[in-house]
Amino acid sequence: MTDLNTLETEILAAIGAAGDEAALDAVRVGALGKKGSISERMKTLGGMSAEERQVMGPALNGLKNAVGDAIAARKQVLKRAAIEQRLATEKVDVTLPVRLSPAEAGRIHPISQVVDEITAIFSDMGFSIAEGPDIETDYYNFTALNFPEGHPAREMHDTFFFNEKEDGERMLLRTHTSPVQIRTMEAQKPPIRIVIPGKTYRCDSDATHSPMFHQLEGLVVDKAANVANMKWVLEEFCKAFFEVPSLNMRFRPSFFPFTEPSLEVDIQCDRSGSEVKFGEGSDWMEILGCGMVHPNVLRSGGLDPDEYQGFAWGIGIDRIAMLKYGMPDLRAFFDADARWISHYGFRPLDLPTLFGGLSG
């Protein structure tokens, strides 16, 4: 009996010293588990005489019950202590301002916003959105667009080329979105009215140039498409995009291999203040290039230039985003700086529409 009293004292002391439920469970297993100290003594009852069992049986059961009750009581104490500790460490200061939801805190990148604005404007004019691969062949990027082999105009595009294939062909990262013009003409019969926003790539990097940038290409092909149609489309786009009621435009002769005649477009602006204002003032700013689709390009697309004609234009999405929203350095577009996104980004639920306002 003295042995049981000593065992009881040791187990109850271990129960009282258990600092958490895991430690308490270890004490329980050590005492009441299959190989626990009390369980091992219970196994010896079979080898005792009847008189010994009458004494040891009630004593061991009493010890077992006492230990079980002590463990249950200690478990409740530990649970209450754990709850009190959580309440102390996880308390909420109800005077703090409510955190913004993800929809409120998140921001849309200005490039995504401008692409949505462009889509809204041209969709209202009846244009479709077209896309094409970023990795192109030399044929679609240059040859089909009237860049003959060895033509100096190819050097204007600082191209990222891939290694040659076994047949000598070299794939490349497209230098403009114009290859989609050819792919669309091959797959679709006129009338064609598409705009092509997408990524393009050139070996160039400074405050206003990036190795990867975004362009918008536009193409109209029909039997009666003409320069007057092109001027109207571009004027309506610029007025809607810069959100001004009127805008003077100036068309200057230029050269692009895929258009003839080719034109550079300047828009009226005022640079006298801290920001550029469009639709007023006496200054001019170059904004895009355009022209009538070259007959050779129509032929490459499988169309007869004696039956069809068209016009096309190209504009830098990053550039017009910088002009409209006053961002001075193109490189910041791709730095993934959360502070920059928070300042220049757009609320995700403010979708641009012509009737509701493009920029919110």
Protein backbone atom coordinates (compact mmCIF):
# COMPACT_ATOMS: atom_id res chain seq x y z
CA MET A 1 0.00 0.00 0.00
CA THR A 2 2.89 2.30 0.74
CA ASP A 3 4.02 1.73 -2.84
CA LEU A 4 0.61 2.82 -4.19
CA ASN A 5 0.61 5.91 -1.99
CA THR A 6 4.02 6.88 -3.33
CA LEU A 7 2.87 6.25 -6.92
CA GLU A 8 -0.27 8.32 -6.37
CA THR A 9 1.76 11.20 -4.95
CA GLU A 10 4.15 11.15 -7.96
CA ILE A 11 1.36 11.00 -10.56
CA LEU A 12 -0.70 13.77 -8.90
CA ALA A 13 2.44 15.93 -8.73
CA ALA A 14 3.09 15.35 -12.45
CA ILE A 15 -0.54 16.26 -13.21
CA GLY A 16 -0.25 19.48 -11.25
CA ALA A 17 3.01 20.37 -12.99
CA ALA A 18 1.62 19.86 -16.54
CA GLY A 19 1.75 23.25 -18.22
CA ASP A 20 -0.42 22.49 -21.24
CA GLU A 21 -2.79 19.85 -22.57
CA ALA A 22 -0.05 18.05 -24.48
CA ALA A 23 2.03 17.59 -21.30
CA LEU A 24 -1.06 16.49 -19.39
CA ASP A 25 -1.86 13.89 -22.04
CA ALA A 26 1.68 12.54 -21.71
CA VAL A 27 1.10 12.06 -17.95
CA ARG A 28 -2.21 10.30 -18.67
CA VAL A 29 -0.57 7.86 -21.10
CA GLY A 30 2.27 7.22 -18.61
CA ALA A 31 -0.20 6.32 -15.87
CA LEU A 32 -3.31 4.91 -17.56
CA GLY A 33 -2.06 3.84 -20.99
CA LYS A 34 -1.65 0.21 -22.00
CA LYS A 35 1.85 0.18 -20.57
CA GLY A 36 1.23 2.85 -17.92
CA SER A 37 2.35 2.47 -14.34
CA ILE A 38 -1.18 1.88 -12.99
CA SER A 39 -2.13 -0.41 -15.89
CA GLU A 40 0.94 -2.58 -15.27
CA ARG A 41 -0.07 -3.03 -11.62
CA MET A 42 -3.63 -3.90 -12.65
CA LYS A 43 -2.18 -6.77 -14.70
CA THR A 44 -0.66 -8.32 -11.55
CA LEU A 45 -4.06 -8.89 -9.93
CA GLY A 46 -4.46 -12.22 -11.74
CA GLY A 47 -1.44 -13.70 -9.98
CA MET A 48 -2.54 -12.70 -6.48
CA SER A 49 -4.42 -14.76 -3.96
CA ALA A 50 -8.07 -14.04 -3.24
CA GLU A 51 -7.26 -12.24 -0.01
CA GLU A 52 -4.65 -10.03 -1.73
CA ARG A 53 -7.03 -9.19 -4.59
CA GLN A 54 -9.68 -8.11 -2.09
CA VAL A 55 -7.21 -5.57 -0.75
CA MET A 56 -5.30 -4.52 -3.91
CA GLY A 57 -8.26 -4.50 -6.31
CA PRO A 58 -10.20 -1.67 -4.60
CA ALA A 59 -6.94 0.18 -3.90
CA LEU A 60 -5.83 0.12 -7.58
CA ASN A 61 -9.32 1.06 -8.84
CA GLY A 62 -9.42 3.88 -6.33
CA LEU A 63 -6.01 5.09 -7.54
CA LYS A 64 -7.13 4.84 -11.15
CA ASN A 65 -10.28 6.87 -10.46
CA ALA A 66 -8.37 9.46 -8.44
CA VAL A 67 -5.85 9.95 -11.22
CA GLY A 68 -8.62 10.16 -13.85
CA ASP A 69 -10.48 12.79 -11.81
CA ALA A 70 -7.29 14.77 -11.27
CA ILE A 71 -6.49 14.72 -14.99
CA ALA A 72 -10.03 15.88 -15.89
CA ALA A 73 -9.87 18.70 -13.35
CA ARG A 74 -6.43 19.82 -14.53
CA LYS A 75 -7.58 19.72 -18.16
CA GLN A 76 -10.39 22.16 -17.41
CA VAL A 77 -7.93 24.48 -15.65
CA LEU A 78 -5.56 24.37 -18.65
CA LYS A 79 -8.40 25.02 -21.11
CA ARG A 80 -9.51 28.09 -19.19
CA ALA A 81 -5.92 29.32 -19.00
CA ALA A 82 -5.48 28.85 -22.75
CA ILE A 83 -8.67 30.79 -23.46
CA GLU A 84 -7.62 33.61 -21.15
CA GLN A 85 -4.22 33.77 -22.85
CA ARG A 86 -5.82 33.96 -26.30
CA LEU A 87 -8.18 36.68 -25.13
CA ALA A 88 -5.21 38.64 -23.80
CA THR A 89 -3.08 38.25 -26.94
CA GLU A 90 -5.78 38.35 -29.62
CA LYS A 91 -7.88 41.19 -28.33
CA VAL A 92 -9.19 43.62 -30.92
CA ASP A 93 -9.03 47.37 -30.51
CA VAL A 94 -12.53 48.34 -31.65
CA THR A 95 -11.43 51.97 -31.95
CA LEU A 96 -9.15 51.13 -34.90
CA PRO A 97 -10.47 51.97 -38.40
CA VAL A 98 -11.99 49.11 -40.37
CA ARG A 99 -9.57 47.48 -42.82
CA LEU A 100 -10.35 47.92 -46.50
CA SER A 101 -11.70 44.92 -48.34
CA PRO A 102 -9.57 43.48 -51.19
CA ALA A 103 -11.89 45.13 -53.71
CA GLU A 104 -11.23 48.49 -52.05
CA ALA A 105 -7.51 48.09 -51.39
CA GLY A 106 -6.52 46.43 -54.70
CA ARG A 107 -5.62 48.51 -57.74
CA ILE A 108 -5.78 47.95 -61.50
CA HIS A 109 -2.49 48.66 -63.32
CA PRO A 110 -2.69 51.76 -65.56
CA ILE A 111 -1.86 49.66 -68.64
CA SER A 112 -4.80 47.34 -67.97
CA GLN A 113 -6.98 50.39 -67.38
CA VAL A 114 -5.94 52.03 -70.65
CA VAL A 115 -6.50 48.80 -72.61
CA ASP A 116 -10.02 48.66 -71.13
CA GLU A 117 -10.58 52.31 -72.11
CA ILE A 118 -9.39 51.63 -75.67
CA THR A 119 -11.63 48.57 -75.88
CA ALA A 120 -14.63 50.59 -74.71
CA ILE A 121 -14.03 53.33 -77.29
CA PHE A 122 -13.46 51.11 -80.33
CA SER A 123 -16.18 48.63 -79.39
CA ASP A 124 -18.60 51.56 -79.49
CA MET A 125 -17.37 52.28 -83.04
CA GLY A 126 -18.06 48.69 -84.14
CA PHE A 127 -14.50 47.33 -83.96
CA SER A 128 -13.56 43.85 -82.77
CA ILE A 129 -10.56 43.00 -80.59
CA ALA A 130 -7.95 40.74 -82.24
CA GLU A 131 -4.92 38.98 -80.77
CA GLY A 132 -1.88 37.11 -82.04
CA PRO A 133 1.24 35.29 -80.80
CA ASP A 134 4.11 37.14 -79.15
CA ILE A 135 6.64 34.81 -80.84
CA GLU A 136 6.48 35.35 -84.58
CA THR A 137 8.15 34.28 -87.80
CA ASP A 138 10.23 36.63 -89.90
CA TYR A 139 7.57 36.33 -92.60
CA TYR A 140 4.66 37.66 -90.53
CA ASN A 141 6.73 40.27 -88.67
CA PHE A 142 8.57 41.68 -91.68
CA THR A 143 8.22 40.10 -95.14
CA ALA A 144 4.41 40.01 -95.32
CA LEU A 145 4.36 43.64 -94.14
CA ASN A 146 6.42 44.78 -97.12
CA PHE A 147 9.84 44.65 -95.43
CA PRO A 148 11.93 42.96 -98.16
CA GLU A 149 14.99 40.92 -97.20
CA GLY A 150 17.86 43.28 -96.43
CA HIS A 151 15.60 46.37 -96.39
CA PRO A 152 17.04 49.18 -94.19
CA ALA A 153 13.66 49.59 -92.46
CA ARG A 154 14.27 46.28 -90.72
CA GLU A 155 17.10 47.95 -88.81
CA MET A 156 14.62 50.44 -87.32
CA HIS A 157 13.28 47.53 -85.25
CA ASP A 158 15.91 46.36 -82.76
CA THR A 159 14.68 42.79 -82.82
CA PHE A 160 15.09 39.97 -80.30
CA PHE A 161 15.88 36.92 -82.47
CA PHE A 162 15.90 33.29 -81.33
CA ASN A 163 18.58 30.83 -82.41
CA GLU A 164 18.28 29.45 -85.93
CA LYS A 165 16.36 26.24 -86.52
CA GLU A 166 17.83 23.39 -88.54
CA ASP A 167 16.18 24.76 -91.70
CA GLY A 168 17.76 28.19 -91.09
CA GLU A 169 14.53 29.90 -89.98
CA ARG A 170 14.78 32.26 -87.02
CA MET A 171 11.79 32.98 -84.80
CA LEU A 172 11.62 36.34 -83.05
CA LEU A 173 9.72 38.34 -80.46
CA ARG A 174 7.33 40.50 -82.46
CA THR A 175 8.45 44.11 -82.77
CA HIS A 176 4.92 45.41 -83.40
CA THR A 177 1.36 44.10 -83.36
CA SER A 178 1.10 44.48 -87.16
CA PRO A 179 1.58 40.72 -87.86
CA VAL A 180 -1.98 40.24 -86.58
CA GLN A 181 -3.14 42.29 -89.59
CA ILE A 182 -1.87 39.59 -91.94
CA ARG A 183 -3.22 36.74 -89.81
CA THR A 184 -6.65 38.41 -89.70
CA MET A 185 -6.79 39.04 -93.46
CA GLU A 186 -5.84 35.40 -94.08
CA ALA A 187 -8.60 34.13 -91.79
CA GLN A 188 -11.41 36.64 -92.35
CA LYS A 189 -13.02 38.14 -95.42
CA PRO A 190 -13.62 41.92 -95.56
CA PRO A 191 -15.11 44.06 -94.21
CA ILE A 192 -12.52 44.00 -91.43
CA ARG A 193 -12.58 46.38 -88.48
CA ILE A 194 -10.19 45.34 -85.71
CA VAL A 195 -7.95 46.82 -83.05
CA ILE A 196 -5.03 44.81 -81.67
CA PRO A 197 -3.74 45.74 -78.20
CA GLY A 198 -0.77 43.66 -77.12
CA LYS A 199 2.84 43.32 -75.98
CA THR A 200 5.75 44.04 -78.28
CA TYR A 201 9.53 43.74 -77.85
CA ARG A 202 12.58 45.73 -78.94
CA CYS A 203 16.16 46.10 -77.68
CA ASP A 204 15.73 49.53 -76.11
CA SER A 205 15.54 50.84 -72.56
CA ASP A 206 15.41 54.34 -71.05
CA ALA A 207 12.89 56.66 -69.36
CA THR A 208 10.56 56.52 -72.38
CA HIS A 209 11.45 53.11 -73.86
CA SER A 210 11.26 49.58 -72.51
CA PRO A 211 12.41 46.22 -73.95
CA MET A 212 8.81 45.06 -73.54
CA PHE A 213 6.05 47.57 -74.19
CA HIS A 214 2.44 47.71 -75.35
CA GLN A 215 1.07 48.81 -78.71
CA LEU A 216 -2.35 49.31 -80.20
CA GLU A 217 -2.75 48.43 -83.86
CA GLY A 218 -5.88 49.28 -85.84
CA LEU A 219 -6.97 47.94 -89.22
CA VAL A 220 -9.93 48.65 -91.48
CA VAL A 221 -10.27 46.86 -94.83
CA ASP A 222 -13.25 47.43 -97.11
CA LYS A 223 -14.02 48.31 -100.68
CA ALA A 224 -14.54 52.00 -99.91
CA ALA A 225 -12.19 52.68 -96.95
CA ASN A 226 -10.36 55.97 -97.43
CA VAL A 227 -8.24 58.64 -95.71
CA ALA A 228 -11.31 60.64 -94.66
CA ASN A 229 -12.66 57.59 -92.79
CA MET A 230 -9.27 57.15 -91.11
CA LYS A 231 -9.07 60.79 -90.00
CA TRP A 232 -12.56 60.60 -88.49
CA VAL A 233 -11.81 57.39 -86.58
CA LEU A 234 -8.57 58.75 -85.15
CA GLU A 235 -10.10 62.10 -84.20
CA GLU A 236 -13.04 60.44 -82.44
CA PHE A 237 -10.70 58.09 -80.61
CA CYS A 238 -8.41 60.87 -79.38
CA LYS A 239 -11.34 63.02 -78.22
CA ALA A 240 -12.90 60.12 -76.35
CA PHE A 241 -9.62 58.88 -74.85
CA PHE A 242 -8.38 62.26 -73.63
CA GLU A 243 -11.96 63.20 -72.69
CA VAL A 244 -12.07 66.56 -74.46
CA PRO A 245 -15.00 67.95 -76.51
CA SER A 246 -12.87 69.00 -79.48
CA LEU A 247 -9.34 68.42 -80.68
CA ASN A 248 -7.34 69.73 -83.63
CA MET A 249 -5.11 67.20 -85.40
CA ARG A 250 -2.27 67.64 -87.87
CA PHE A 251 -1.30 64.97 -90.41
CA ARG A 252 2.27 65.03 -91.75
CA PRO A 253 3.80 62.86 -94.51
CA SER A 254 6.03 60.05 -93.25
CA PHE A 255 7.24 56.58 -94.23
CA PHE A 256 6.19 53.12 -93.05
CA PRO A 257 6.83 50.08 -95.26
CA PHE A 258 3.32 48.70 -94.72
CA THR A 259 1.34 51.85 -95.62
CA GLU A 260 1.24 54.18 -98.63
CA PRO A 261 0.67 57.05 -98.17
CA SER A 262 2.03 57.10 -94.61
CA LEU A 263 1.25 59.85 -92.11
CA GLU A 264 2.37 61.00 -88.66
CA VAL A 265 -0.37 62.50 -86.50
CA ASP A 266 0.09 65.43 -84.10
CA ILE A 267 -2.59 66.58 -81.68
CA GLN A 268 -3.22 70.03 -80.26
CA CYS A 269 -1.98 70.60 -76.71
CA ASP A 270 -0.89 73.20 -74.18
CA ARG A 271 2.48 72.65 -72.45
CA SER A 272 2.69 75.98 -70.67
CA GLY A 273 1.75 74.62 -67.22
CA SER A 274 2.95 71.75 -65.07
CA GLU A 275 0.92 69.25 -67.08
CA VAL A 276 0.05 68.73 -70.74
CA LYS A 277 -3.52 69.72 -71.62
CA PHE A 278 -5.07 68.39 -74.81
CA GLY A 279 -7.63 70.13 -77.01
CA GLU A 280 -6.35 73.62 -76.17
CA GLY A 281 -3.26 75.78 -76.60
CA SER A 282 -0.98 76.29 -79.59
CA ASP A 283 1.51 73.42 -79.14
CA TRP A 284 1.56 70.11 -81.00
CA MET A 285 2.51 66.62 -79.87
CA GLU A 286 3.16 63.58 -82.06
CA ILE A 287 0.77 60.83 -80.98
CA LEU A 288 0.65 58.04 -83.59
CA GLY A 289 1.46 56.84 -87.09
CA CYS A 290 -1.05 55.77 -89.73
CA GLY A 291 -1.68 55.38 -93.45
CA MET A 292 -3.46 53.50 -96.20
CA VAL A 293 -2.58 49.80 -96.27
CA HIS A 294 0.09 49.11 -98.89
CA PRO A 295 -1.13 46.97 -101.84
CA ASN A 296 1.67 44.48 -101.16
CA VAL A 297 0.35 43.96 -97.61
CA LEU A 298 -3.15 43.32 -98.95
CA ARG A 299 -1.71 40.75 -101.37
CA SER A 300 0.17 39.06 -98.50
CA GLY A 301 -3.15 38.78 -96.69
CA GLY A 302 -4.73 37.11 -99.69
CA LEU A 303 -6.77 40.16 -100.82
CA ASP A 304 -6.92 41.82 -104.22
CA PRO A 305 -5.76 45.47 -103.91
CA ASP A 306 -7.79 46.31 -107.03
CA GLU A 307 -10.95 45.32 -105.13
CA TYR A 308 -10.12 46.21 -101.53
CA GLN A 309 -8.32 49.00 -99.77
CA GLY A 310 -7.83 49.82 -96.13
CA PHE A 311 -6.17 51.97 -93.54
CA ALA A 312 -4.16 51.16 -90.42
CA TRP A 313 -2.62 52.96 -87.49
CA GLY A 314 -0.37 52.21 -84.54
CA ILE A 315 -0.01 53.89 -81.15
CA GLY A 316 2.01 53.19 -78.02
CA ILE A 317 -0.34 52.27 -75.16
CA ASP A 318 2.33 53.02 -72.55
CA ARG A 319 2.95 56.43 -74.11
CA ILE A 320 -0.68 57.56 -74.16
CA ALA A 321 -1.10 56.26 -70.59
CA MET A 322 1.84 58.44 -69.52
CA LEU A 323 0.40 61.45 -71.36
CA LYS A 324 -3.11 61.09 -69.98
CA TYR A 325 -2.25 60.29 -66.37
CA GLY A 326 0.98 62.24 -65.92
CA MET A 327 3.47 59.40 -65.31
CA PRO A 328 7.00 60.65 -66.05
CA ASP A 329 9.02 57.41 -66.31
CA LEU A 330 8.02 54.36 -68.34
CA ARG A 331 10.31 52.07 -66.33
CA ALA A 332 8.11 52.48 -63.23
CA PHE A 333 5.34 50.64 -65.11
CA PHE A 334 7.27 47.39 -64.67
CA ASP A 335 8.93 47.88 -61.23
CA ALA A 336 6.05 46.25 -59.29
CA ASP A 337 6.30 48.99 -56.63
CA ALA A 338 3.17 48.76 -54.46
CA ARG A 339 3.40 52.48 -53.64
CA TRP A 340 3.40 53.40 -57.33
CA ILE A 341 0.44 51.09 -58.02
CA SER A 342 -1.43 52.55 -55.05
CA HIS A 343 -0.87 56.09 -56.38
CA TYR A 344 -1.45 55.58 -60.10
CA GLY A 345 -3.66 52.47 -60.06
CA PHE A 346 -7.43 52.35 -60.51
CA ARG A 347 -10.18 50.91 -58.33
CA PRO A 348 -11.06 47.45 -59.68
CA LEU A 349 -14.82 47.99 -59.78
CA ASP A 350 -14.66 51.32 -61.65
CA LEU A 351 -14.91 49.84 -65.15
CA PRO A 352 -14.37 52.39 -67.94
CA THR A 353 -17.44 53.16 -70.05
CA LEU A 354 -18.19 55.95 -72.50
CA PHE A 355 -21.44 56.91 -70.75
CA GLY A 356 -20.01 56.71 -67.23
CA GLY A 357 -16.58 58.21 -67.90
CA LEU A 358 -13.43 56.37 -68.93
CA SER A 359 -11.21 57.32 -66.01
CA GLY A 360 -13.87 57.43 -63.27
